[in-house]
């Protein structure tokens, strides 16, 4: 499970860095990652 989470986080990070052009965009991506981590923690 830990390896899957690390892989997921790496993929999200790469896509976030390539998709964000502004500070606001980075904030949205960080928020989305936080929501995913929170929902994974509830399972």
Protein backbone atom coordinates (compact mmCIF):
# COMPACT_ATOMS: atom_id res chain seq x y z
CA UNK A 1 0.00 0.00 0.00
CA UNK A 2 2.83 2.37 0.83
CA UNK A 3 4.48 1.79 -2.55
CA UNK A 4 1.19 2.49 -4.32
CA UNK A 5 0.76 5.74 -2.39
CA UNK A 6 4.32 6.86 -3.21
CA UNK A 7 3.78 6.05 -6.89
CA UNK A 8 0.47 7.93 -6.90
CA UNK A 9 2.06 10.93 -5.20
CA UNK A 10 4.89 10.97 -7.75
CA UNK A 11 2.47 10.87 -10.68
CA UNK A 12 0.34 13.64 -9.21
CA UNK A 13 3.41 15.75 -8.50
CA UNK A 14 4.71 15.45 -12.05
CA UNK A 15 1.33 16.23 -13.56
CA UNK A 16 0.82 19.13 -11.17
CA UNK A 17 4.18 20.64 -12.04
CA UNK A 18 3.56 20.32 -15.75
CA UNK A 19 0.00 21.68 -15.55
CA UNK A 20 0.50 24.63 -13.21
CA UNK A 21 1.39 27.97 -14.69
CA UNK A 22 0.40 30.16 -11.77
CA UNK A 23 0.56 30.18 -7.99
CA UNK A 24 -3.22 29.83 -7.92
CA UNK A 25 -2.97 26.69 -10.06
CA UNK A 26 -0.38 25.21 -7.73
CA UNK A 27 -2.67 25.90 -4.79
CA UNK A 28 -5.54 24.09 -6.46
CA UNK A 29 -3.34 21.08 -7.22
CA UNK A 30 -2.01 20.94 -3.66
CA UNK A 31 -5.58 21.11 -2.36
CA UNK A 32 -6.61 18.25 -4.65
CA UNK A 33 -3.69 16.09 -3.50
CA UNK A 34 -4.66 16.80 0.10
CA UNK A 35 -8.22 15.70 -0.57
CA UNK A 36 -7.03 12.46 -2.17
CA UNK A 37 -4.69 11.72 0.74
CA UNK A 38 -7.46 12.48 3.21
CA UNK A 39 -9.91 10.18 1.47
CA UNK A 40 -7.28 7.44 1.28
CA UNK A 41 -6.67 7.80 5.00
CA UNK A 42 -10.37 7.33 5.76
CA UNK A 43 -10.48 3.96 3.97
